[in-house]
Amino acid sequence: MGIILRNRKLILISGLLFILYFATRLYNILDLQMFTDEAIYTRWSQIARFDANWRFISLTDGKQPSFVWINMVIMRLVDDPLLAGRLVSVGAGFVGMVGMFFLGREIFKNSSAGLIAASLYLVYPFTLVYDRMALYESLVAASIIWGILFHVLLIRRRRLDMALVLGMIIGFAVLTKSSGFFLIYLFPLSLLLFDFRQNNRVREFIKWVALAGLSALMAYGFYSVLRLSPFFHIVSEKNGVFVYPFHDWINHPLEFFRGNWNGLTDWLISYSTVPLLIAMFGSLLIGGKKYLREKIFLLLWFVFPFIALAMFGRILYPRFILFMTMPLLVLASFSLTHILENMKNKIVITGAFVLIFGFLVRSDFYVLTDLSRAPIAKADTDQFVNAWPAGGGVREIVSFLREESKDKEIYVATEGTFGSLPTYATEIYLDEVKNIKKRGIWPTESQIPEDLVKKAEKMRVFYVFNDSKEAPPSWPVKLLSKYQKGIGNSYMSIYEVLPSR
């Protein structure tokens, strides 16, 4: 009973964070229609769920399978395939928020720092966006958070159980995305937290090296499971699409660095807001030497991956830096904890918290109510809402086709094959509808495929365009509906093919 009373404040705040987390993540979670990548991952999960031979289907596109594996389990419990995928990220985000508490508390030996770190995770627009989408990023962020936590625990305690748990965390991380390998590459950063003044430092150092090696070995053991698939080699090929292999990079080592750096920095600022960034990086200037090594450790966990991506990045998206910002949130929690515990002026304390959280909550409001106008990275609002990868019109077109096929057979052609949003969306939601025959077509020719016109003589035939403003002028088709994507200039449209007679 005494323990409960002493920790009543911690319990109450934790309960509030729990409620607010699921309230913000589940609020209107299906209002945003699926965009292209969500459709791909959802379709993979469907196929893997029903066909054991395709449990490694994501490797066909060079993607690790952990998201697909978890999603195919959730699909057994949730009817809507998109909702199932998004719930994977909701769950991952919750695990990440809990990890932020433990990381903040452990590295700064302060429960307040942990609670503030978890609170920042809760309202951080970057996490709010991705915790509500059927993408890999929330799983990656959660893995990195817990991986860094156990990096700290391992260097401080040097115990076998810590090494074993860390090995499993890293193993899961590398089965989620290749960025999980940073948990191995950045092991040496832990030495910033090693006590070199202890009498038995040589023995303890060797012990840490052995335990860290064990964790890395376990992780590679997990990763080797992918070798069971004949598509394993595609992972490295796909990585080469997004980052320059060293043999290519060496020919132009700094040619793209400045442009990449500017783009990544813009995304960081837009998602983090200036007040929070000041709290993040300003943490190095407050508190004197206390926890200086810990702060440098967290900062370098951001700096090294960020610079590596800027230097080697070939195709970049804002989501690539999500996991890198997690240590920065912990740094910001140090700044706010320092203000809370050392400032005597309540107006200053209130002003600092209102300034930092106010800008974040403002962005959150738009994310939850009107993502198309949210003050976040434009590359994301374009992808998710306003441009051709977005899913505006998917729900309406699927509903229309389902209704049309209730009492008769219809044929549906969609623009695009692999990665095509309308093609995958119809497969996800209409694959089991017996009255619908369908196929994806690419490229779109100036003349309509002849078989579609012939089929139109026997049944209703529809053609769904994803980004084309209108059908080619020579096509014998009639526009039925056109749906604007957010506030952009992209549309999804459905036409009926007219019979030749």
Protein backbone atom coordinates (compact mmCIF):
# COMPACT_ATOMS: atom_id res chain seq x y z
CA MET A 1 0.00 0.00 0.00
CA GLY A 2 2.87 2.34 0.83
CA ILE A 3 4.45 1.77 -2.58
CA ILE A 4 1.18 2.67 -4.29
CA LEU A 5 0.84 5.89 -2.30
CA ARG A 6 4.42 6.92 -3.02
CA ASN A 7 3.92 6.32 -6.73
CA ARG A 8 0.39 7.64 -6.96
CA LYS A 9 1.44 10.59 -9.11
CA LEU A 10 3.36 8.31 -11.47
CA ILE A 11 0.38 5.95 -11.73
CA LEU A 12 -2.08 8.77 -12.42
CA ILE A 13 0.08 10.36 -15.13
CA SER A 14 0.77 6.96 -16.69
CA GLY A 15 -2.96 6.24 -16.79
CA LEU A 16 -3.61 9.61 -18.43
CA LEU A 17 -0.92 8.96 -21.05
CA PHE A 18 -2.48 5.55 -21.74
CA ILE A 19 -5.93 7.08 -22.31
CA LEU A 20 -4.65 9.98 -24.41
CA TYR A 21 -2.46 7.72 -26.50
CA PHE A 22 -5.27 5.46 -27.66
CA ALA A 23 -7.69 8.39 -27.96
CA THR A 24 -5.37 10.23 -30.36
CA ARG A 25 -4.28 7.18 -32.31
CA LEU A 26 -7.73 5.66 -32.78
CA TYR A 27 -9.67 8.88 -33.40
CA ASN A 28 -11.11 8.68 -36.93
CA ILE A 29 -8.30 6.27 -37.83
CA LEU A 30 -10.02 5.24 -41.07
CA ASP A 31 -10.92 8.73 -42.24
CA LEU A 32 -7.68 8.86 -44.21
CA GLN A 33 -7.99 6.47 -47.13
CA MET A 34 -5.16 4.05 -47.83
CA PHE A 35 -2.28 5.33 -49.88
CA THR A 36 -0.13 3.27 -52.24
CA ASP A 37 2.41 1.77 -49.79
CA GLU A 38 -0.32 0.85 -47.32
CA ALA A 39 -2.16 -0.96 -50.09
CA ILE A 40 0.98 -2.92 -50.99
CA TYR A 41 1.73 -4.01 -47.42
CA THR A 42 -1.92 -4.83 -46.74
CA ARG A 43 -2.18 -6.99 -49.83
CA TRP A 44 1.04 -8.81 -48.93
CA SER A 45 -0.39 -9.54 -45.48
CA GLN A 46 -3.59 -10.91 -46.98
CA ILE A 47 -1.70 -13.24 -49.28
CA ALA A 48 0.66 -14.40 -46.52
CA ARG A 49 -2.26 -15.05 -44.21
CA PHE A 50 -3.95 -17.50 -46.57
CA ASP A 51 -0.92 -19.06 -48.25
CA ALA A 52 1.96 -20.33 -46.11
CA ASN A 53 4.17 -20.53 -49.19
CA TRP A 54 4.11 -16.74 -49.37
CA ARG A 55 5.03 -15.86 -45.77
CA PHE A 56 8.15 -14.15 -47.17
CA ILE A 57 6.23 -12.31 -49.90
CA SER A 58 7.62 -8.92 -48.84
CA LEU A 59 11.09 -10.08 -49.87
CA THR A 60 9.96 -10.02 -53.50
CA ASP A 61 10.22 -6.25 -53.17
CA GLY A 62 13.23 -6.29 -50.84
CA LYS A 63 11.23 -5.56 -47.66
CA GLN A 64 11.73 -7.48 -44.42
CA PRO A 65 8.65 -9.40 -43.27
CA SER A 66 7.95 -8.63 -39.59
CA PHE A 67 5.19 -6.09 -40.31
CA VAL A 68 3.51 -8.53 -42.66
CA TRP A 69 3.76 -11.36 -40.13
CA ILE A 70 2.17 -9.32 -37.35
CA ASN A 71 -0.46 -7.88 -39.66
CA MET A 72 -1.60 -11.26 -40.94
CA VAL A 73 -2.28 -12.28 -37.33
CA ILE A 74 -4.25 -9.10 -36.58
CA MET A 75 -6.28 -9.70 -39.75
CA ARG A 76 -7.71 -12.81 -38.11
CA LEU A 77 -9.28 -10.58 -35.47
CA VAL A 78 -10.19 -7.48 -37.50
CA ASP A 79 -12.41 -7.55 -40.57
CA ASP A 80 -11.17 -4.39 -42.29
CA PRO A 81 -7.74 -5.14 -43.79
CA LEU A 82 -6.61 -1.50 -43.64
CA LEU A 83 -7.68 -1.14 -40.02
CA ALA A 84 -5.74 -4.30 -39.14
CA GLY A 85 -2.54 -2.85 -40.59
CA ARG A 86 -3.01 0.48 -38.87
CA LEU A 87 -3.63 -1.25 -35.55
CA VAL A 88 -0.20 -2.85 -35.89
CA SER A 89 1.28 0.64 -35.88
CA VAL A 90 -0.98 1.75 -33.02
CA GLY A 91 0.30 -1.15 -30.93
CA ALA A 92 3.90 -0.50 -31.96
CA GLY A 93 3.56 3.16 -31.08
CA PHE A 94 2.28 2.31 -27.62
CA VAL A 95 5.26 0.03 -27.06
CA GLY A 96 7.46 2.89 -28.26
CA MET A 97 5.87 5.38 -25.85
CA VAL A 98 6.38 3.00 -22.92
CA GLY A 99 9.97 2.53 -24.03
CA MET A 100 10.46 6.30 -24.04
CA PHE A 101 9.48 6.42 -20.38
CA PHE A 102 11.95 3.74 -19.39
CA LEU A 103 14.71 5.21 -21.56
CA GLY A 104 14.28 8.71 -20.15
CA ARG A 105 14.12 7.40 -16.59
CA GLU A 106 17.10 5.08 -16.97
CA ILE A 107 19.51 7.35 -18.79
CA PHE A 108 18.87 10.39 -16.57
CA LYS A 109 17.93 8.48 -13.40
CA ASN A 110 14.75 10.50 -13.13
CA SER A 111 11.13 9.38 -13.44
CA SER A 112 10.06 12.90 -14.41
CA ALA A 113 12.37 12.78 -17.43
CA GLY A 114 10.77 9.49 -18.40
CA LEU A 115 7.23 10.83 -18.09
CA ILE A 116 8.08 13.95 -20.10
CA ALA A 117 9.79 11.83 -22.78
CA ALA A 118 6.66 9.68 -23.05
CA SER A 119 4.48 12.81 -23.15
CA LEU A 120 6.56 14.25 -25.97
CA TYR A 121 6.20 10.99 -27.87
CA LEU A 122 2.44 11.23 -27.37
CA VAL A 123 2.09 14.70 -28.91
CA TYR A 124 4.96 14.55 -31.40
CA PRO A 125 3.33 15.05 -34.84
CA PHE A 126 5.86 12.70 -36.44
CA THR A 127 4.77 9.77 -34.28
CA LEU A 128 1.10 10.75 -34.40
CA VAL A 129 1.10 10.51 -38.20
CA TYR A 130 2.91 7.19 -38.46
CA ASP A 131 1.28 5.48 -35.47
CA ARG A 132 -1.98 5.75 -37.44
CA MET A 133 -0.76 4.27 -40.73
CA ALA A 134 -0.18 0.73 -41.98
CA LEU A 135 3.55 1.26 -42.48
CA TYR A 136 6.76 -0.14 -41.04
CA GLU A 137 7.97 3.05 -39.35
CA SER A 138 6.32 2.75 -35.94
CA LEU A 139 7.73 -0.75 -35.54
CA VAL A 140 11.19 0.56 -36.47
CA ALA A 141 10.95 3.47 -34.01
CA ALA A 142 9.80 1.20 -31.18
CA SER A 143 12.64 -1.22 -31.89
CA ILE A 144 15.22 1.58 -31.85
CA ILE A 145 13.85 3.03 -28.60
CA TRP A 146 14.04 -0.28 -26.77
CA GLY A 147 17.35 -1.11 -28.44
CA ILE A 148 18.93 2.12 -27.18
CA LEU A 149 17.48 1.46 -23.71
CA PHE A 150 19.14 -1.95 -23.57
CA HIS A 151 22.37 -0.50 -24.97
CA VAL A 152 22.38 1.70 -21.86
CA LEU A 153 21.44 -1.14 -19.52
CA LEU A 154 24.08 -3.44 -20.99
CA ILE A 155 26.96 -0.96 -20.67
CA ARG A 156 25.94 -0.06 -17.13
CA ARG A 157 25.19 -3.53 -15.76
CA ARG A 158 26.94 -5.95 -18.11
CA ARG A 159 24.63 -8.89 -17.49
CA LEU A 160 23.86 -11.88 -19.67
CA ASP A 161 20.09 -11.40 -19.47
CA MET A 162 20.45 -7.85 -20.78
CA ALA A 163 22.51 -9.11 -23.72
CA LEU A 164 19.97 -11.81 -24.56
CA VAL A 165 17.04 -9.39 -24.50
CA LEU A 166 19.00 -6.89 -26.57
CA GLY A 167 19.83 -9.60 -29.11
CA MET A 168 16.13 -10.34 -29.51
CA ILE A 169 15.29 -6.64 -29.88
CA ILE A 170 17.94 -6.13 -32.55
CA GLY A 171 16.85 -9.34 -34.24
CA PHE A 172 13.30 -8.03 -34.48
CA ALA A 173 14.57 -4.64 -35.68
CA VAL A 174 16.57 -6.10 -38.57
CA LEU A 175 13.61 -8.28 -39.52
CA THR A 176 11.58 -5.07 -39.78
CA LYS A 177 13.86 -2.78 -41.76
CA SER A 178 17.53 -2.52 -42.67
CA SER A 179 17.84 0.61 -40.51
CA GLY A 180 17.65 -1.77 -37.54
CA PHE A 181 21.31 -2.58 -38.22
CA PHE A 182 22.20 0.77 -36.66
CA LEU A 183 21.66 -1.01 -33.34
CA ILE A 184 24.73 -3.07 -34.24
CA TYR A 185 26.76 -0.43 -36.05
CA LEU A 186 26.45 2.07 -33.19
CA PHE A 187 27.40 -0.29 -30.37
CA PRO A 188 30.68 1.67 -29.83
CA LEU A 189 28.67 4.74 -28.76
CA SER A 190 27.83 2.87 -25.57
CA LEU A 191 31.42 3.33 -24.45
CA LEU A 192 30.56 6.96 -23.71
CA LEU A 193 28.66 5.58 -20.73
CA PHE A 194 31.37 3.15 -19.60
CA ASP A 195 33.05 3.90 -16.27
CA PHE A 196 36.75 3.85 -17.12
CA ARG A 197 37.66 4.85 -13.56
CA GLN A 198 36.62 1.56 -11.99
CA ASN A 199 39.40 -0.69 -10.70
CA ASN A 200 38.48 -3.73 -12.78
CA ARG A 201 37.81 -1.73 -15.96
CA VAL A 202 39.75 -4.06 -18.27
CA ARG A 203 37.82 -7.11 -17.16
CA GLU A 204 34.49 -5.27 -17.32
CA PHE A 205 35.31 -3.86 -20.75
CA ILE A 206 36.08 -7.34 -22.10
CA LYS A 207 32.87 -8.58 -20.51
CA TRP A 208 30.87 -5.86 -22.26
CA VAL A 209 32.53 -6.62 -25.60
CA ALA A 210 31.64 -10.30 -25.22
CA LEU A 211 28.03 -9.55 -24.28
CA ALA A 212 27.62 -6.99 -27.07
CA GLY A 213 29.08 -9.53 -29.50
CA LEU A 214 26.57 -12.09 -28.28
CA SER A 215 23.70 -9.67 -28.90
CA ALA A 216 24.95 -8.95 -32.41
CA LEU A 217 25.43 -12.65 -33.12
CA MET A 218 21.86 -13.37 -31.98
CA ALA A 219 20.56 -10.59 -34.22
CA TYR A 220 22.34 -11.99 -37.27
CA GLY A 221 20.92 -15.38 -36.33
CA PHE A 222 17.41 -13.96 -36.47
CA TYR A 223 18.18 -12.23 -39.74
CA SER A 224 19.49 -15.45 -41.29
CA VAL A 225 15.90 -16.77 -41.21
CA LEU A 226 15.37 -14.71 -44.35
CA ARG A 227 17.82 -16.95 -46.18
CA LEU A 228 15.08 -19.57 -46.24
CA SER A 229 13.50 -17.55 -49.02
CA PRO A 230 14.90 -17.58 -52.57
CA PHE A 231 14.16 -13.82 -52.65
CA PHE A 232 16.60 -12.94 -49.86
CA HIS A 233 19.07 -11.33 -52.26
CA ILE A 234 16.49 -8.73 -53.28
CA VAL A 235 16.84 -7.00 -49.90
CA SER A 236 20.32 -5.73 -50.72
CA GLU A 237 19.22 -4.87 -54.25
CA LYS A 238 16.32 -2.82 -52.88
CA ASN A 239 18.58 -1.06 -50.38
CA GLY A 240 20.66 0.00 -53.36
CA VAL A 241 17.61 1.77 -54.78
CA PHE A 242 17.28 4.04 -51.74
CA VAL A 243 20.93 4.47 -50.71
CA TYR A 244 24.05 4.53 -52.83
CA PRO A 245 26.24 1.43 -52.46
CA PHE A 246 29.79 2.37 -51.52
CA HIS A 247 31.19 1.53 -54.97
CA ASP A 248 28.73 4.05 -56.49
CA TRP A 249 29.03 6.64 -53.74
CA ILE A 250 32.82 6.84 -53.97
CA ASN A 251 32.48 8.28 -57.49
CA HIS A 252 30.50 11.29 -56.16
CA PRO A 253 30.99 11.34 -52.37
CA LEU A 254 29.55 14.80 -51.65
CA GLU A 255 27.61 15.57 -54.82
CA PHE A 256 24.18 15.03 -53.27
CA PHE A 257 25.06 15.68 -49.63
CA ARG A 258 23.98 19.31 -49.50
CA GLY A 259 20.65 18.73 -51.21
CA ASN A 260 19.90 15.70 -49.05
CA TRP A 261 20.94 17.57 -45.90
CA ASN A 262 18.68 20.52 -46.70
CA GLY A 263 15.72 18.25 -47.42
CA LEU A 264 16.16 16.16 -44.30
CA THR A 265 16.61 19.28 -42.17
CA ASP A 266 13.43 20.84 -43.57
CA TRP A 267 11.49 17.71 -42.69
CA LEU A 268 12.99 17.64 -39.20
CA ILE A 269 12.03 21.27 -38.56
CA SER A 270 8.51 20.94 -39.96
CA TYR A 271 7.73 17.88 -37.85
CA SER A 272 9.55 18.90 -34.67
CA THR A 273 8.77 22.65 -34.59
CA VAL A 274 11.38 25.23 -33.61
CA PRO A 275 10.61 25.36 -29.84
CA LEU A 276 11.04 21.60 -29.49
CA LEU A 277 14.27 21.67 -31.50
CA ILE A 278 15.62 24.34 -29.16
CA ALA A 279 14.77 22.10 -26.20
CA MET A 280 16.40 19.12 -27.94
CA PHE A 281 19.73 20.70 -28.82
CA GLY A 282 19.71 23.21 -25.98
CA SER A 283 19.87 20.34 -23.51
CA LEU A 284 23.61 20.20 -24.17
CA LEU A 285 24.03 23.70 -22.75
CA ILE A 286 22.18 23.25 -19.48
CA GLY A 287 22.91 21.18 -16.41
CA GLY A 288 26.67 21.63 -16.60
CA LYS A 289 28.65 18.41 -16.75
CA LYS A 290 25.89 16.38 -15.17
CA TYR A 291 24.80 13.68 -17.61
CA LEU A 292 26.94 15.29 -20.32
CA ARG A 293 28.12 11.92 -21.61
CA GLU A 294 24.55 10.64 -21.68
CA LYS A 295 23.43 13.67 -23.66
CA ILE A 296 26.27 13.29 -26.15
CA PHE A 297 25.39 9.60 -26.46
CA LEU A 298 21.78 10.46 -27.38
CA LEU A 299 22.84 13.26 -29.71
CA LEU A 300 25.23 11.01 -31.64
CA TRP A 301 22.48 8.42 -31.98
CA PHE A 302 20.74 11.08 -34.06
CA VAL A 303 23.76 12.62 -35.77
CA PHE A 304 25.40 9.49 -37.19
CA PRO A 305 22.30 8.02 -38.89
CA PHE A 306 21.25 11.49 -40.07
CA ILE A 307 24.61 12.25 -41.67
CA ALA A 308 24.80 8.74 -43.14
CA LEU A 309 21.40 9.20 -44.78
CA ALA A 310 22.34 12.64 -46.08
CA MET A 311 25.59 11.29 -47.50
CA PHE A 312 24.39 8.02 -49.00
CA GLY A 313 20.69 8.72 -49.61
CA ARG A 314 19.46 8.26 -53.17
CA ILE A 315 15.67 8.34 -52.73
CA LEU A 316 14.49 9.96 -49.50
CA TYR A 317 11.21 10.21 -47.63
CA PRO A 318 10.49 11.94 -44.29
CA ARG A 319 9.67 8.61 -42.67
CA PHE A 320 13.32 7.57 -42.93
CA ILE A 321 14.31 9.96 -40.13
CA LEU A 322 11.51 9.10 -37.70
CA PHE A 323 13.56 6.63 -35.67
CA MET A 324 16.51 9.05 -35.58
CA THR A 325 14.44 11.66 -33.76
CA MET A 326 13.57 9.40 -30.84
CA PRO A 327 16.83 10.13 -28.94
CA LEU A 328 16.20 13.84 -29.53
CA LEU A 329 12.88 13.58 -27.70
CA VAL A 330 14.74 12.20 -24.70
CA LEU A 331 17.14 15.14 -24.89
CA ALA A 332 14.19 17.52 -24.92
CA SER A 333 12.81 15.76 -21.85
CA PHE A 334 16.07 16.58 -20.04
CA SER A 335 15.64 20.29 -20.85
CA LEU A 336 12.04 20.32 -19.63
CA THR A 337 12.90 18.31 -16.51
CA HIS A 338 15.70 20.76 -15.73
CA ILE A 339 13.30 23.70 -16.09
CA LEU A 340 10.67 21.96 -13.98
CA GLU A 341 13.02 21.09 -11.14
CA ASN A 342 15.34 24.10 -11.08
CA MET A 343 13.31 27.11 -12.14
CA LYS A 344 11.52 28.80 -9.24
CA ASN A 345 9.43 31.15 -11.39
CA LYS A 346 6.21 29.31 -12.19
CA ILE A 347 5.47 31.68 -15.05
CA VAL A 348 8.72 30.68 -16.77
CA ILE A 349 7.98 26.98 -16.21
CA THR A 350 4.44 27.29 -17.55
CA GLY A 351 5.57 29.38 -20.49
CA ALA A 352 8.23 26.86 -21.54
CA PHE A 353 5.82 23.94 -21.44
CA VAL A 354 3.03 25.85 -23.18
CA LEU A 355 5.38 27.06 -25.91
CA ILE A 356 6.78 23.61 -26.67
CA PHE A 357 3.61 21.58 -26.30
CA GLY A 358 1.42 24.28 -27.85
CA PHE A 359 3.14 24.17 -31.24
CA LEU A 360 3.05 20.37 -31.22
CA VAL A 361 -0.63 20.20 -30.30
CA ARG A 362 -1.45 22.71 -33.04
CA SER A 363 0.13 20.38 -35.61
CA ASP A 364 -1.64 17.42 -34.00
CA PHE A 365 -5.01 19.14 -34.42
CA TYR A 366 -4.50 19.37 -38.18
CA VAL A 367 -3.15 15.82 -38.39
CA LEU A 368 -6.32 14.52 -36.74
CA THR A 369 -8.84 16.77 -38.49
CA ASP A 370 -7.39 17.90 -41.84
CA LEU A 371 -4.14 16.19 -42.77
CA SER A 372 -4.15 17.79 -46.21
CA ARG A 373 -3.40 21.17 -44.60
CA ALA A 374 -1.29 19.96 -41.67
CA PRO A 375 1.93 21.97 -41.04
CA ILE A 376 4.14 18.92 -41.45
CA ALA A 377 6.51 17.80 -44.22
CA LYS A 378 4.88 18.55 -47.57
CA ALA A 379 6.35 15.35 -48.98
CA ASP A 380 4.11 13.46 -46.56
CA THR A 381 0.92 15.45 -47.08
CA ASP A 382 1.41 14.95 -50.82
CA GLN A 383 1.96 11.21 -50.51
CA PHE A 384 -0.79 10.55 -48.00
CA VAL A 385 -3.51 12.97 -49.14
CA ASN A 386 -2.86 15.41 -51.95
CA ALA A 387 -0.93 13.70 -54.76
CA TRP A 388 -1.10 10.58 -56.94
CA PRO A 389 -0.04 8.03 -54.25
CA ALA A 390 -2.96 9.10 -52.03
CA GLY A 391 -6.15 7.08 -51.77
CA GLY A 392 -8.86 9.63 -52.43
CA GLY A 393 -11.71 7.83 -54.17
CA VAL A 394 -10.74 4.27 -53.21
CA ARG A 395 -13.54 3.82 -50.68
CA GLU A 396 -16.19 5.26 -52.98
CA ILE A 397 -15.13 3.25 -56.02
CA VAL A 398 -14.90 -0.02 -54.09
CA SER A 399 -18.38 0.59 -52.66
CA PHE A 400 -19.77 1.34 -56.11
CA LEU A 401 -18.27 -1.80 -57.64
CA ARG A 402 -19.50 -3.96 -54.79
CA GLU A 403 -23.02 -2.61 -55.27
CA GLU A 404 -22.92 -3.11 -59.05
CA SER A 405 -21.85 -6.75 -58.67
CA LYS A 406 -24.62 -7.78 -56.29
CA ASP A 407 -26.88 -9.27 -58.94
CA LYS A 408 -24.72 -9.45 -62.06
CA GLU A 409 -21.22 -10.11 -63.28
CA ILE A 410 -18.99 -7.13 -64.01
CA TYR A 411 -15.43 -6.63 -65.23
CA VAL A 412 -13.02 -4.14 -63.69
CA ALA A 413 -9.77 -2.98 -65.28
CA THR A 414 -7.41 -0.81 -63.27
CA GLU A 415 -4.53 1.44 -64.27
CA GLY A 416 -1.25 -0.17 -63.20
CA THR A 417 0.03 -3.53 -62.02
CA PHE A 418 2.60 -3.88 -59.19
CA GLY A 419 2.27 -1.05 -56.68
CA SER A 420 -0.83 0.33 -58.36
CA LEU A 421 -3.24 1.68 -55.76
CA PRO A 422 -6.53 0.94 -57.59
CA THR A 423 -5.29 -2.52 -58.60
CA TYR A 424 -4.29 -3.49 -55.07
CA ALA A 425 -7.34 -1.84 -53.51
CA THR A 426 -9.72 -3.87 -55.66
CA GLU A 427 -7.78 -7.03 -54.84
CA ILE A 428 -7.86 -6.26 -51.11
CA TYR A 429 -11.58 -5.53 -50.88
CA LEU A 430 -13.12 -7.34 -53.86
CA ASP A 431 -10.98 -10.43 -54.35
CA GLU A 432 -13.63 -12.74 -52.90
CA VAL A 433 -16.55 -11.21 -54.78
CA LYS A 434 -17.38 -13.88 -57.34
CA ASN A 435 -19.24 -11.56 -59.70
CA ILE A 436 -16.21 -9.34 -60.26
CA LYS A 437 -13.52 -10.23 -62.76
CA LYS A 438 -10.57 -7.87 -62.83
CA ARG A 439 -7.07 -7.16 -64.02
CA GLY A 440 -4.46 -4.43 -63.90
CA ILE A 441 -3.23 -2.87 -67.14
CA TRP A 442 0.02 -1.03 -67.76
CA PRO A 443 0.97 1.03 -69.61
CA THR A 444 -2.07 3.01 -70.65
CA GLU A 445 -2.08 3.05 -74.46
CA SER A 446 -3.69 5.59 -76.74
CA GLN A 447 -6.06 2.86 -77.93
CA ILE A 448 -8.23 0.95 -75.48
CA PRO A 449 -7.47 -2.80 -75.15
CA GLU A 450 -9.72 -4.51 -77.66
CA ASP A 451 -10.88 -7.21 -75.26
CA LEU A 452 -12.44 -4.62 -72.95
CA VAL A 453 -14.72 -3.39 -75.73
CA LYS A 454 -15.73 -6.98 -76.56
CA LYS A 455 -16.45 -7.74 -72.91
CA ALA A 456 -18.59 -4.59 -72.72
CA GLU A 457 -20.99 -6.22 -75.19
CA LYS A 458 -21.76 -8.94 -72.63
CA MET A 459 -21.44 -7.18 -69.27
CA ARG A 460 -20.69 -3.83 -67.68
CA VAL A 461 -16.98 -3.04 -67.89
CA PHE A 462 -15.30 -0.38 -65.79
CA TYR A 463 -11.87 1.21 -65.95
CA VAL A 464 -10.30 2.93 -62.94
CA PHE A 465 -7.65 5.57 -63.50
CA ASN A 466 -5.43 6.62 -60.64
CA ASP A 467 -3.76 9.84 -61.70
CA SER A 468 -4.83 10.56 -65.24
CA LYS A 469 -7.01 13.67 -65.42
CA GLU A 470 -9.13 11.94 -68.05
CA ALA A 471 -9.20 8.89 -70.29
CA PRO A 472 -7.39 8.99 -73.66
CA PRO A 473 -9.70 10.83 -76.11
CA SER A 474 -9.95 7.86 -78.50
CA TRP A 475 -11.30 5.53 -75.82
CA PRO A 476 -15.02 4.65 -76.07
CA VAL A 477 -15.74 5.32 -72.40
CA LYS A 478 -18.11 7.37 -70.25
CA LEU A 479 -16.99 9.13 -67.07
CA LEU A 480 -18.99 7.99 -64.07
CA SER A 481 -17.19 9.69 -61.18
CA LYS A 482 -14.00 11.57 -60.43
CA TYR A 483 -12.56 12.09 -56.95
CA GLN A 484 -10.07 14.78 -56.01
CA LYS A 485 -7.20 13.74 -53.76
CA GLY A 486 -7.15 16.11 -50.81
CA ILE A 487 -6.48 19.68 -51.93
CA GLY A 488 -4.09 18.64 -54.69
CA ASN A 489 -4.44 18.38 -58.44
CA SER A 490 -4.63 14.59 -58.61
CA TYR A 491 -7.75 12.52 -59.12
CA MET A 492 -9.00 8.97 -59.12
CA SER A 493 -11.71 8.36 -61.65
CA ILE A 494 -13.91 5.52 -62.84
CA TYR A 495 -15.19 5.13 -66.39
CA GLU A 496 -17.59 2.70 -68.00
CA VAL A 497 -16.42 1.11 -71.23
CA LEU A 498 -19.03 1.43 -73.98
CA PRO A 499 -19.77 -1.52 -76.26
CA SER A 500 -18.94 -1.13 -79.94
CA ARG A 501 -22.50 -1.68 -81.10
